[in-house]
Amino acid sequence: MTGNTLPQQPAHKMAMTLMFSDVTGIGPVTALTTWSYTGSRWSDIGNVPYQKIHGYDRWDARISWEPKPDWEITGYVQNIMDEIGIQEFAYANVWLTEHRQIGVQFRWRPDMTR
């Protein structure tokens, strides 16, 4: 095993996030997008070629709006490109990334000091 790469250790892994925030006449608005990359890696210490896990990308985005100080509305898309990657492979078990998810969140944070 001398010289083999450790399992589940990609040679390259990175993420970039861009954020924009502005206070508008209708309340604060924040937009955020993140792209991440996990490179190829070996599933076990033997570095067997047919068990190599391929790299994958992921791109997420969200936008939030605060119409009032105690309310926030957020729309989001996770895994925009709907690319499925293998997160981990161990023996007969495989863990995959999630499919694309789209959603809206409503948050109410009451100010109890009033």
PDB file of N, CA and C in Angstrom:
ATOM      1  N   MET A   1       0.808  -1.203   0.000  1.00  0.00           N
ATOM      2  CA  MET A   1       0.000   0.000   0.000  1.00  0.00           C
ATOM      3  C   MET A   1       0.857   1.276   0.000  1.00  0.00           C
ATOM      4  N   THR A   2       2.160   1.114   0.086  1.00  0.00           N
ATOM      5  CA  THR A   2       3.033   2.285   0.110  1.00  0.00           C
ATOM      6  C   THR A   2       2.846   3.095  -1.165  1.00  0.00           C
ATOM      7  N   GLY A   3       2.669   4.382  -1.006  1.00  0.00           N
ATOM      8  CA  GLY A   3       2.497   5.266  -2.147  1.00  0.00           C
ATOM      9  C   GLY A   3       1.050   5.455  -2.578  1.00  0.00           C
ATOM     10  N   ASN A   4       0.124   4.687  -2.046  1.00  0.00           N
ATOM     11  CA  ASN A   4      -1.287   4.839  -2.403  1.00  0.00           C
ATOM     12  C   ASN A   4      -1.884   6.065  -1.717  1.00  0.00           C
ATOM     13  N   THR A   5      -2.917   6.606  -2.338  1.00  0.00           N
ATOM     14  CA  THR A   5      -3.637   7.744  -1.775  1.00  0.00           C
ATOM     15  C   THR A   5      -4.641   7.252  -0.752  1.00  0.00           C
ATOM     16  N   LEU A   6      -4.816   7.997   0.320  1.00  0.00           N
ATOM     17  CA  LEU A   6      -5.801   7.639   1.337  1.00  0.00           C
ATOM     18  C   LEU A   6      -7.209   7.658   0.739  1.00  0.00           C
ATOM     19  N   PRO A   7      -8.091   6.788   1.211  1.00  0.00           N
ATOM     20  CA  PRO A   7      -9.453   6.757   0.674  1.00  0.00           C
ATOM     21  C   PRO A   7     -10.240   8.025   1.035  1.00  0.00           C
ATOM     22  N   GLN A   8     -11.157   8.393   0.147  1.00  0.00           N
ATOM     23  CA  GLN A   8     -12.068   9.533   0.332  1.00  0.00           C
ATOM     24  C   GLN A   8     -11.338  10.872   0.439  1.00  0.00           C
ATOM     25  N   GLN A   9     -10.123  10.978  -0.082  1.00  0.00           N
ATOM     26  CA  GLN A   9      -9.335  12.211  -0.012  1.00  0.00           C
ATOM     27  C   GLN A   9      -9.095  12.755  -1.418  1.00  0.00           C
ATOM     28  N   PRO A  10      -9.960  13.662  -1.906  1.00  0.00           N
ATOM     29  CA  PRO A  10      -9.741  14.190  -3.248  1.00  0.00           C
ATOM     30  C   PRO A  10      -8.492  15.071  -3.297  1.00  0.00           C
ATOM     31  N   ALA A  11      -7.826  15.050  -4.434  1.00  0.00           N
ATOM     32  CA  ALA A  11      -6.647  15.900  -4.608  1.00  0.00           C
ATOM     33  C   ALA A  11      -7.063  17.370  -4.703  1.00  0.00           C
ATOM     34  N   HIS A  12      -8.264  17.626  -5.225  1.00  0.00           N
ATOM     35  CA  HIS A  12      -8.755  18.993  -5.383  1.00  0.00           C
ATOM     36  C   HIS A  12     -10.179  19.100  -4.849  1.00  0.00           C
ATOM     37  N   LYS A  13     -10.396  20.127  -4.064  1.00  0.00           N
ATOM     38  CA  LYS A  13     -11.728  20.433  -3.555  1.00  0.00           C
ATOM     39  C   LYS A  13     -11.779  21.936  -3.366  1.00  0.00           C
ATOM     40  N   MET A  14     -12.824  22.570  -3.908  1.00  0.00           N
ATOM     41  CA  MET A  14     -12.894  24.027  -3.800  1.00  0.00           C
ATOM     42  C   MET A  14     -14.335  24.490  -3.813  1.00  0.00           C
ATOM     43  N   ALA A  15     -14.525  25.722  -3.377  1.00  0.00           N
ATOM     44  CA  ALA A  15     -15.850  26.345  -3.398  1.00  0.00           C
ATOM     45  C   ALA A  15     -15.678  27.850  -3.561  1.00  0.00           C
ATOM     46  N   MET A  16     -16.599  28.453  -4.288  1.00  0.00           N
ATOM     47  CA  MET A  16     -16.617  29.904  -4.461  1.00  0.00           C
ATOM     48  C   MET A  16     -18.029  30.390  -4.178  1.00  0.00           C
ATOM     49  N   THR A  17     -18.136  31.494  -3.448  1.00  0.00           N
ATOM     50  CA  THR A  17     -19.431  32.074  -3.120  1.00  0.00           C
ATOM     51  C   THR A  17     -19.437  33.543  -3.522  1.00  0.00           C
ATOM     52  N   LEU A  18     -20.517  33.959  -4.159  1.00  0.00           N
ATOM     53  CA  LEU A  18     -20.736  35.366  -4.480  1.00  0.00           C
ATOM     54  C   LEU A  18     -21.994  35.814  -3.752  1.00  0.00           C
ATOM     55  N   MET A  19     -21.918  36.987  -3.124  1.00  0.00           N
ATOM     56  CA  MET A  19     -23.066  37.506  -2.394  1.00  0.00           C
ATOM     57  C   MET A  19     -23.299  38.961  -2.753  1.00  0.00           C
ATOM     58  N   PHE A  20     -24.565  39.314  -2.891  1.00  0.00           N
ATOM     59  CA  PHE A  20     -24.958  40.696  -3.153  1.00  0.00           C
ATOM     60  C   PHE A  20     -26.033  41.052  -2.142  1.00  0.00           C
ATOM     61  N   SER A  21     -25.867  42.200  -1.508  1.00  0.00           N
ATOM     62  CA  SER A  21     -26.845  42.635  -0.522  1.00  0.00           C
ATOM     63  C   SER A  21     -27.143  44.111  -0.750  1.00  0.00           C
ATOM     64  N   ASP A  22     -28.409  44.468  -0.633  1.00  0.00           N
ATOM     65  CA  ASP A  22     -28.816  45.852  -0.859  1.00  0.00           C
ATOM     66  C   ASP A  22     -30.049  46.155  -0.014  1.00  0.00           C
ATOM     67  N   VAL A  23     -30.100  47.354   0.508  1.00  0.00           N
ATOM     68  CA  VAL A  23     -31.293  47.799   1.228  1.00  0.00           C
ATOM     69  C   VAL A  23     -32.109  48.620   0.237  1.00  0.00           C
ATOM     70  N   THR A  24     -33.270  48.087  -0.120  1.00  0.00           N
ATOM     71  CA  THR A  24     -34.136  48.751  -1.091  1.00  0.00           C
ATOM     72  C   THR A  24     -35.291  49.427  -0.367  1.00  0.00           C
ATOM     73  N   GLY A  25     -36.139  50.078  -1.120  1.00  0.00           N
ATOM     74  CA  GLY A  25     -37.320  50.716  -0.546  1.00  0.00           C
ATOM     75  C   GLY A  25     -38.321  49.715   0.004  1.00  0.00           C
ATOM     76  N   ILE A  26     -38.184  48.463  -0.383  1.00  0.00           N
ATOM     77  CA  ILE A  26     -39.120  47.435   0.096  1.00  0.00           C
ATOM     78  C   ILE A  26     -38.485  46.546   1.171  1.00  0.00           C
ATOM     79  N   GLY A  27     -37.270  46.872   1.610  1.00  0.00           N
ATOM     80  CA  GLY A  27     -36.579  46.101   2.642  1.00  0.00           C
ATOM     81  C   GLY A  27     -35.297  45.488   2.110  1.00  0.00           C
ATOM     82  N   PRO A  28     -34.454  44.981   3.020  1.00  0.00           N
ATOM     83  CA  PRO A  28     -33.179  44.379   2.618  1.00  0.00           C
ATOM     84  C   PRO A  28     -33.364  43.133   1.732  1.00  0.00           C
ATOM     85  N   VAL A  29     -32.536  43.053   0.683  1.00  0.00           N
ATOM     86  CA  VAL A  29     -32.541  41.903  -0.226  1.00  0.00           C
ATOM     87  C   VAL A  29     -31.104  41.376  -0.298  1.00  0.00           C
ATOM     88  N   THR A  30     -30.958  40.061  -0.165  1.00  0.00           N
ATOM     89  CA  THR A  30     -29.647  39.427  -0.245  1.00  0.00           C
ATOM     90  C   THR A  30     -29.718  38.268  -1.230  1.00  0.00           C
ATOM     91  N   ALA A  31     -28.791  38.234  -2.183  1.00  0.00           N
ATOM     92  CA  ALA A  31     -28.690  37.132  -3.147  1.00  0.00           C
ATOM     93  C   ALA A  31     -27.336  36.453  -2.936  1.00  0.00           C
ATOM     94  N   LEU A  32     -27.338  35.116  -3.005  1.00  0.00           N
ATOM     95  CA  LEU A  32     -26.131  34.352  -2.737  1.00  0.00           C
ATOM     96  C   LEU A  32     -26.085  33.159  -3.679  1.00  0.00           C
ATOM     97  N   THR A  33     -24.916  32.902  -4.243  1.00  0.00           N
ATOM     98  CA  THR A  33     -24.744  31.712  -5.073  1.00  0.00           C
ATOM     99  C   THR A  33     -23.405  31.065  -4.725  1.00  0.00           C
ATOM    100  N   THR A  34     -23.383  29.742  -4.689  1.00  0.00           N
ATOM    101  CA  THR A  34     -22.181  28.997  -4.344  1.00  0.00           C
ATOM    102  C   THR A  34     -21.959  27.886  -5.360  1.00  0.00           C
ATOM    103  N   TRP A  35     -20.729  27.800  -5.852  1.00  0.00           N
ATOM    104  CA  TRP A  35     -20.321  26.700  -6.721  1.00  0.00           C
ATOM    105  C   TRP A  35     -19.251  25.927  -5.962  1.00  0.00           C
ATOM    106  N   SER A  36     -19.363  24.605  -5.944  1.00  0.00           N
ATOM    107  CA  SER A  36     -18.346  23.791  -5.279  1.00  0.00           C
ATOM    108  C   SER A  36     -17.942  22.630  -6.181  1.00  0.00           C
ATOM    109  N   TYR A  37     -16.727  22.175  -5.980  1.00  0.00           N
ATOM    110  CA  TYR A  37     -16.185  21.074  -6.766  1.00  0.00           C
ATOM    111  C   TYR A  37     -15.471  20.110  -5.829  1.00  0.00           C
ATOM    112  N   THR A  38     -15.741  18.831  -5.996  1.00  0.00           N
ATOM    113  CA  THR A  38     -15.027  17.771  -5.287  1.00  0.00           C
ATOM    114  C   THR A  38     -14.391  16.883  -6.340  1.00  0.00           C
ATOM    115  N   GLY A  39     -13.075  16.780  -6.310  1.00  0.00           N
ATOM    116  CA  GLY A  39     -12.345  16.014  -7.316  1.00  0.00           C
ATOM    117  C   GLY A  39     -12.460  14.514  -7.132  1.00  0.00           C
ATOM    118  N   SER A  40     -11.912  13.790  -8.077  1.00  0.00           N
ATOM    119  CA  SER A  40     -11.961  12.328  -8.010  1.00  0.00           C
ATOM    120  C   SER A  40     -11.121  11.834  -6.835  1.00  0.00           C
ATOM    121  N   ARG A  41     -11.480  10.658  -6.351  1.00  0.00           N
ATOM    122  CA  ARG A  41     -10.793  10.083  -5.208  1.00  0.00           C
ATOM    123  C   ARG A  41     -10.985   8.565  -5.214  1.00  0.00           C
ATOM    124  N   TRP A  42     -10.230   7.901  -4.377  1.00  0.00           N
ATOM    125  CA  TRP A  42     -10.293   6.445  -4.279  1.00  0.00           C
ATOM    126  C   TRP A  42     -11.256   6.045  -3.176  1.00  0.00           C
ATOM    127  N   SER A  43     -11.960   4.941  -3.371  1.00  0.00           N
ATOM    128  CA  SER A  43     -12.918   4.489  -2.363  1.00  0.00           C
ATOM    129  C   SER A  43     -12.260   3.667  -1.261  1.00  0.00           C
ATOM    130  N   ASP A  44     -11.076   3.132  -1.518  1.00  0.00           N
ATOM    131  CA  ASP A  44     -10.382   2.377  -0.469  1.00  0.00           C
ATOM    132  C   ASP A  44      -8.872   2.520  -0.629  1.00  0.00           C
ATOM    133  N   ILE A  45      -8.135   2.029   0.332  1.00  0.00           N
ATOM    134  CA  ILE A  45      -6.681   2.188   0.363  1.00  0.00           C
ATOM    135  C   ILE A  45      -5.977   1.438  -0.764  1.00  0.00           C
ATOM    136  N   GLY A  46      -6.660   0.451  -1.379  1.00  0.00           N
ATOM    137  CA  GLY A  46      -6.043  -0.314  -2.455  1.00  0.00           C
ATOM    138  C   GLY A  46      -5.911   0.447  -3.762  1.00  0.00           C
ATOM    139  N   ASN A  47      -6.619   1.580  -3.918  1.00  0.00           N
ATOM    140  CA  ASN A  47      -6.595   2.396  -5.137  1.00  0.00           C
ATOM    141  C   ASN A  47      -6.875   1.556  -6.381  1.00  0.00           C
ATOM    142  N   VAL A  48      -7.912   0.720  -6.309  1.00  0.00           N
ATOM    143  CA  VAL A  48      -8.300  -0.143  -7.420  1.00  0.00           C
ATOM    144  C   VAL A  48      -9.017   0.714  -8.468  1.00  0.00           C
ATOM    145  N   PRO A  49      -8.547   0.739  -9.730  1.00  0.00           N
ATOM    146  CA  PRO A  49      -9.109   1.632 -10.750  1.00  0.00           C
ATOM    147  C   PRO A  49     -10.629   1.557 -10.932  1.00  0.00           C
ATOM    148  N   TYR A  50     -11.223   0.370 -10.872  1.00  0.00           N
ATOM    149  CA  TYR A  50     -12.669   0.306 -11.098  1.00  0.00           C
ATOM    150  C   TYR A  50     -13.474   0.831  -9.900  1.00  0.00           C
ATOM    151  N   GLN A  51     -12.820   1.136  -8.782  1.00  0.00           N
ATOM    152  CA  GLN A  51     -13.502   1.691  -7.617  1.00  0.00           C
ATOM    153  C   GLN A  51     -13.204   3.176  -7.422  1.00  0.00           C
ATOM    154  N   LYS A  52     -12.649   3.797  -8.443  1.00  0.00           N
ATOM    155  CA  LYS A  52     -12.359   5.223  -8.352  1.00  0.00           C
ATOM    156  C   LYS A  52     -13.667   6.008  -8.412  1.00  0.00           C
ATOM    157  N   ILE A  53     -13.821   6.988  -7.536  1.00  0.00           N
ATOM    158  CA  ILE A  53     -15.017   7.833  -7.487  1.00  0.00           C
ATOM    159  C   ILE A  53     -14.731   9.085  -8.310  1.00  0.00           C
ATOM    160  N   HIS A  54     -15.578   9.370  -9.278  1.00  0.00           N
ATOM    161  CA  HIS A  54     -15.388  10.528 -10.157  1.00  0.00           C
ATOM    162  C   HIS A  54     -15.745  11.832  -9.446  1.00  0.00           C
ATOM    163  N   GLY A  55     -15.101  12.901  -9.859  1.00  0.00           N
ATOM    164  CA  GLY A  55     -15.381  14.216  -9.301  1.00  0.00           C
ATOM    165  C   GLY A  55     -16.735  14.748  -9.768  1.00  0.00           C
ATOM    166  N   TYR A  56     -17.242  15.758  -9.062  1.00  0.00           N
ATOM    167  CA  TYR A  56     -18.515  16.365  -9.433  1.00  0.00           C
ATOM    168  C   TYR A  56     -18.575  17.821  -8.974  1.00  0.00           C
ATOM    169  N   ASP A  57     -19.456  18.583  -9.623  1.00  0.00           N
ATOM    170  CA  ASP A  57     -19.716  19.984  -9.295  1.00  0.00           C
ATOM    171  C   ASP A  57     -21.076  20.100  -8.620  1.00  0.00           C
ATOM    172  N   ARG A  58     -21.266  21.209  -7.928  1.00  0.00           N
ATOM    173  CA  ARG A  58     -22.580  21.528  -7.385  1.00  0.00           C
ATOM    174  C   ARG A  58     -22.719  23.040  -7.385  1.00  0.00           C
ATOM    175  N   TRP A  59     -23.913  23.509  -7.756  1.00  0.00           N
ATOM    176  CA  TRP A  59     -24.187  24.943  -7.820  1.00  0.00           C
ATOM    177  C   TRP A  59     -25.500  25.198  -7.102  1.00  0.00           C
ATOM    178  N   ASP A  60     -25.479  26.090  -6.112  1.00  0.00           N
ATOM    179  CA  ASP A  60     -26.660  26.448  -5.329  1.00  0.00           C
ATOM    180  C   ASP A  60     -26.888  27.953  -5.419  1.00  0.00           C
ATOM    181  N   ALA A  61     -28.130  28.393  -5.201  1.00  0.00           N
ATOM    182  CA  ALA A  61     -28.453  29.824  -5.196  1.00  0.00           C
ATOM    183  C   ALA A  61     -29.611  30.081  -4.254  1.00  0.00           C
ATOM    184  N   ARG A  62     -29.621  31.275  -3.688  1.00  0.00           N
ATOM    185  CA  ARG A  62     -30.750  31.675  -2.843  1.00  0.00           C
ATOM    186  C   ARG A  62     -30.890  33.191  -2.844  1.00  0.00           C
ATOM    187  N   ILE A  63     -32.105  33.649  -2.616  1.00  0.00           N
ATOM    188  CA  ILE A  63     -32.373  35.077  -2.490  1.00  0.00           C
ATOM    189  C   ILE A  63     -33.313  35.263  -1.305  1.00  0.00           C
ATOM    190  N   SER A  64     -32.980  36.235  -0.450  1.00  0.00           N
ATOM    191  CA  SER A  64     -33.773  36.505   0.749  1.00  0.00           C
ATOM    192  C   SER A  64     -34.242  37.952   0.750  1.00  0.00           C
ATOM    193  N   TRP A  65     -35.429  38.140   1.291  1.00  0.00           N
ATOM    194  CA  TRP A  65     -36.019  39.477   1.389  1.00  0.00           C
ATOM    195  C   TRP A  65     -36.636  39.631   2.769  1.00  0.00           C
ATOM    196  N   GLU A  66     -36.370  40.789   3.403  1.00  0.00           N
ATOM    197  CA  GLU A  66     -36.946  41.105   4.715  1.00  0.00           C
ATOM    198  C   GLU A  66     -37.928  42.253   4.554  1.00  0.00           C
ATOM    199  N   PRO A  67     -39.209  41.943   4.317  1.00  0.00           N
ATOM    200  CA  PRO A  67     -40.174  43.025   4.152  1.00  0.00           C
ATOM    201  C   PRO A  67     -40.412  43.796   5.446  1.00  0.00           C
ATOM    202  N   LYS A  68     -40.227  43.144   6.592  1.00  0.00           N
ATOM    203  CA  LYS A  68     -40.339  43.767   7.916  1.00  0.00           C
ATOM    204  C   LYS A  68     -39.220  43.197   8.778  1.00  0.00           C
ATOM    205  N   PRO A  69     -38.828  43.878   9.850  1.00  0.00           N
ATOM    206  CA  PRO A  69     -37.708  43.400  10.668  1.00  0.00           C
ATOM    207  C   PRO A  69     -37.877  41.990  11.236  1.00  0.00           C
ATOM    208  N   ASP A  70     -39.092  41.543  11.467  1.00  0.00           N
ATOM    209  CA  ASP A  70     -39.280  40.212  12.050  1.00  0.00           C
ATOM    210  C   ASP A  70     -39.723  39.152  11.037  1.00  0.00           C
ATOM    211  N   TRP A  71     -39.795  39.508   9.758  1.00  0.00           N
ATOM    212  CA  TRP A  71     -40.180  38.567   8.692  1.00  0.00           C
ATOM    213  C   TRP A  71     -39.058  38.420   7.677  1.00  0.00           C
ATOM    214  N   GLU A  72     -38.855  37.206   7.180  1.00  0.00           N
ATOM    215  CA  GLU A  72     -37.895  36.980   6.104  1.00  0.00           C
ATOM    216  C   GLU A  72     -38.464  35.913   5.171  1.00  0.00           C
ATOM    217  N   ILE A  73     -38.361  36.166   3.864  1.00  0.00           N
ATOM    218  CA  ILE A  73     -38.819  35.220   2.843  1.00  0.00           C
ATOM    219  C   ILE A  73     -37.599  34.865   1.991  1.00  0.00           C
ATOM    220  N   THR A  74     -37.351  33.560   1.838  1.00  0.00           N
ATOM    221  CA  THR A  74     -36.187  33.089   1.096  1.00  0.00           C
ATOM    222  C   THR A  74     -36.618  32.078   0.042  1.00  0.00           C
ATOM    223  N   GLY A  75     -36.140  32.272  -1.183  1.00  0.00           N
ATOM    224  CA  GLY A  75     -36.316  31.296  -2.250  1.00  0.00           C
ATOM    225  C   GLY A  75     -34.961  30.684  -2.552  1.00  0.00           C
ATOM    226  N   TYR A  76     -34.928  29.390  -2.816  1.00  0.00           N
ATOM    227  CA  TYR A  76     -33.633  28.743  -3.042  1.00  0.00           C
ATOM    228  C   TYR A  76     -33.744  27.612  -4.058  1.00  0.00           C
ATOM    229  N   VAL A  77     -32.606  27.329  -4.683  1.00  0.00           N
ATOM    230  CA  VAL A  77     -32.448  26.165  -5.551  1.00  0.00           C
ATOM    231  C   VAL A  77     -31.119  25.531  -5.154  1.00  0.00           C
ATOM    232  N   GLN A  78     -31.161  24.274  -4.749  1.00  0.00           N
ATOM    233  CA  GLN A  78     -29.951  23.529  -4.422  1.00  0.00           C
ATOM    234  C   GLN A  78     -29.675  22.549  -5.551  1.00  0.00           C
ATOM    235  N   ASN A  79     -28.420  22.435  -5.932  1.00  0.00           N
ATOM    236  CA  ASN A  79     -27.996  21.552  -7.027  1.00  0.00           C
ATOM    237  C   ASN A  79     -28.715  21.946  -8.325  1.00  0.00           C
ATOM    238  N   ILE A  80     -28.513  23.182  -8.741  1.00  0.00           N
ATOM    239  CA  ILE A  80     -29.195  23.751  -9.913  1.00  0.00           C
ATOM    240  C   ILE A  80     -29.049  22.870 -11.155  1.00  0.00           C
ATOM    241  N   MET A  81     -27.873  22.342 -11.407  1.00  0.00           N
ATOM    242  CA  MET A  81     -27.636  21.542 -12.610  1.00  0.00           C
ATOM    243  C   MET A  81     -28.129  20.095 -12.460  1.00  0.00           C
ATOM    244  N   ASP A  82     -28.605  19.730 -11.284  1.00  0.00           N
ATOM    245  CA  ASP A  82     -29.117  18.392 -10.977  1.00  0.00           C
ATOM    246  C   ASP A  82     -28.090  17.303 -11.306  1.00  0.00           C
ATOM    247  N   GLU A  83     -26.815  17.595 -11.007  1.00  0.00           N
ATOM    248  CA  GLU A  83     -25.748  16.619 -11.226  1.00  0.00           C
ATOM    249  C   GLU A  83     -25.615  15.752  -9.969  1.00  0.00           C
ATOM    250  N   ILE A  84     -25.727  14.465 -10.148  1.00  0.00           N
ATOM    251  CA  ILE A  84     -25.623  13.537  -9.026  1.00  0.00           C
ATOM    252  C   ILE A  84     -24.202  12.993  -8.966  1.00  0.00           C
ATOM    253  N   GLY A  85     -23.608  13.109  -7.804  1.00  0.00           N
ATOM    254  CA  GLY A  85     -22.256  12.611  -7.604  1.00  0.00           C
ATOM    255  C   GLY A  85     -22.234  11.611  -6.463  1.00  0.00           C
ATOM    256  N   ILE A  86     -21.193  10.826  -6.405  1.00  0.00           N
ATOM    257  CA  ILE A  86     -21.027   9.878  -5.311  1.00  0.00           C
ATOM    258  C   ILE A  86     -20.268  10.583  -4.194  1.00  0.00           C
ATOM    259  N   GLN A  87     -20.907  10.710  -3.036  1.00  0.00           N
ATOM    260  CA  GLN A  87     -20.243  11.321  -1.892  1.00  0.00           C
ATOM    261  C   GLN A  87     -19.277  10.344  -1.239  1.00  0.00           C
ATOM    262  N   GLU A  88     -19.711   9.106  -1.109  1.00  0.00           N
ATOM    263  CA  GLU A  88     -18.863   8.105  -0.457  1.00  0.00           C
ATOM    264  C   GLU A  88     -19.241   6.719  -0.969  1.00  0.00           C
ATOM    265  N   PHE A  89     -18.250   5.852  -1.042  1.00  0.00           N
ATOM    266  CA  PHE A  89     -18.452   4.477  -1.480  1.00  0.00           C
ATOM    267  C   PHE A  89     -17.669   3.587  -0.524  1.00  0.00           C
ATOM    268  N   ALA A  90     -18.362   2.723   0.174  1.00  0.00           N
ATOM    269  CA  ALA A  90     -17.689   1.829   1.120  1.00  0.00           C
ATOM    270  C   ALA A  90     -18.311   0.451   1.017  1.00  0.00           C
ATOM    271  N   TYR A  91     -17.521  -0.503   0.575  1.00  0.00           N
ATOM    272  CA  TYR A  91     -17.971  -1.890   0.403  1.00  0.00           C
ATOM    273  C   TYR A  91     -19.180  -1.916  -0.530  1.00  0.00           C
ATOM    274  N   ALA A  92     -20.342  -2.309  -0.066  1.00  0.00           N
ATOM    275  CA  ALA A  92     -21.531  -2.385  -0.928  1.00  0.00           C
ATOM    276  C   ALA A  92     -22.441  -1.171  -0.746  1.00  0.00           C
ATOM    277  N   ASN A  93     -22.029  -0.175   0.033  1.00  0.00           N
ATOM    278  CA  ASN A  93     -22.860   1.005   0.298  1.00  0.00           C
ATOM    279  C   ASN A  93     -22.374   2.205  -0.501  1.00  0.00           C
ATOM    280  N   VAL A  94     -23.316   2.930  -1.076  1.00  0.00           N
ATOM    281  CA  VAL A  94     -22.992   4.126  -1.844  1.00  0.00           C
ATOM    282  C   VAL A  94     -23.880   5.270  -1.356  1.00  0.00           C
ATOM    283  N   TRP A  95     -23.274   6.433  -1.060  1.00  0.00           N
ATOM    284  CA  TRP A  95     -24.017   7.614  -0.658  1.00  0.00           C
ATOM    285  C   TRP A  95     -23.919   8.629  -1.787  1.00  0.00           C
ATOM    286  N   LEU A  96     -25.080   9.050  -2.317  1.00  0.00           N
ATOM    287  CA  LEU A  96     -25.138   9.978  -3.443  1.00  0.00           C
ATOM    288  C   LEU A  96     -25.500  11.388  -2.972  1.00  0.00           C
ATOM    289  N   THR A  97     -25.165  12.376  -3.793  1.00  0.00           N
ATOM    290  CA  THR A  97     -25.628  13.733  -3.520  1.00  0.00           C
ATOM    291  C   THR A  97     -27.131  13.791  -3.797  1.00  0.00           C
ATOM    292  N   GLU A  98     -27.777  14.810  -3.272  1.00  0.00           N
ATOM    293  CA  GLU A  98     -29.224  14.939  -3.458  1.00  0.00           C
ATOM    294  C   GLU A  98     -29.547  15.528  -4.828  1.00  0.00           C
ATOM    295  N   HIS A  99     -30.735  15.189  -5.338  1.00  0.00           N
ATOM    296  CA  HIS A  99     -31.227  15.790  -6.577  1.00  0.00           C
ATOM    297  C   HIS A  99     -31.512  17.267  -6.353  1.00  0.00           C
ATOM    298  N   ARG A 100     -31.851  17.952  -7.419  1.00  0.00           N
ATOM    299  CA  ARG A 100     -32.207  19.373  -7.343  1.00  0.00           C
ATOM    300  C   ARG A 100     -33.372  19.557  -6.369  1.00  0.00           C
ATOM    301  N   GLN A 101     -33.267  20.590  -5.550  1.00  0.00           N
ATOM    302  CA  GLN A 101     -34.351  20.954  -4.641  1.00  0.00           C
ATOM    303  C   GLN A 101     -34.664  22.423  -4.833  1.00  0.00           C
ATOM    304  N   ILE A 102     -35.936  22.722  -4.892  1.00  0.00           N
ATOM    305  CA  ILE A 102     -36.398  24.102  -5.040  1.00  0.00           C
ATOM    306  C   ILE A 102     -37.373  24.366  -3.904  1.00  0.00           C
ATOM    307  N   GLY A 103     -37.246  25.514  -3.271  1.00  0.00           N
ATOM    308  CA  GLY A 103     -38.144  25.771  -2.157  1.00  0.00           C
ATOM    309  C   GLY A 103     -38.237  27.229  -1.773  1.00  0.00           C
ATOM    310  N   VAL A 104     -39.181  27.482  -0.881  1.00  0.00           N
ATOM    311  CA  VAL A 104     -39.400  28.804  -0.310  1.00  0.00           C
ATOM    312  C   VAL A 104     -39.504  28.620   1.197  1.00  0.00           C
ATOM    313  N   GLN A 105     -38.844  29.498   1.936  1.00  0.00           N
ATOM    314  CA  GLN A 105     -38.913  29.474   3.395  1.00  0.00           C
ATOM    315  C   GLN A 105     -39.500  30.791   3.878  1.00  0.00           C
ATOM    316  N   PHE A 106     -40.386  30.703   4.848  1.00  0.00           N
ATOM    317  CA  PHE A 106     -40.946  31.879   5.505  1.00  0.00           C
ATOM    318  C   PHE A 106     -40.508  31.823   6.963  1.00  0.00           C
ATOM    319  N   ARG A 107     -39.884  32.888   7.431  1.00  0.00           N
ATOM    320  CA  ARG A 107     -39.420  32.921   8.820  1.00  0.00           C
ATOM    321  C   ARG A 107     -40.044  34.106   9.540  1.00  0.00           C
ATOM    322  N   TRP A 108     -40.499  33.831  10.744  1.00  0.00           N
ATOM    323  CA  TRP A 108     -41.009  34.879  11.604  1.00  0.00           C
ATOM    324  C   TRP A 108     -40.228  34.825  12.901  1.00  0.00           C
ATOM    325  N   ARG A 109     -39.547  35.900  13.203  1.00  0.00           N
ATOM    326  CA  ARG A 109     -38.751  36.007  14.433  1.00  0.00           C
ATOM    327  C   ARG A 109     -39.323  37.153  15.256  1.00  0.00           C
ATOM    328  N   PRO A 110     -40.248  36.838  16.151  1.00  0.00           N
ATOM    329  CA  PRO A 110     -40.889  37.916  16.912  1.00  0.00           C
ATOM    330  C   PRO A 110     -39.908  38.604  17.846  1.00  0.00           C
ATOM    331  N   ASP A 111     -40.062  39.899  17.965  1.00  0.00           N
ATOM    332  CA  ASP A 111     -39.247  40.683  18.891  1.00  0.00           C
ATOM    333  C   ASP A 111     -39.964  40.689  20.237  1.00  0.00           C
ATOM    334  N   MET A 112     -39.478  39.937  21.182  1.00  0.00           N
ATOM    335  CA  MET A 112     -40.132  39.805  22.486  1.00  0.00           C
ATOM    336  C   MET A 112     -39.847  40.980  23.417  1.00  0.00           C
ATOM    337  N   THR A 113     -39.005  41.922  22.960  1.00  0.00           N
ATOM    338  CA  THR A 113     -38.695  43.070  23.806  1.00  0.00           C
ATOM    339  C   THR A 113     -39.725  44.178  23.689  1.00  0.00           C
ATOM    340  N   ARG A 114     -40.607  44.076  22.705  1.00  0.00           N
ATOM    341  CA  ARG A 114     -41.630  45.119  22.517  1.00  0.00           C
ATOM    342  C   ARG A 114     -42.763  44.941  23.482  1.00  0.00           C
TER     343      ARG A 114
END
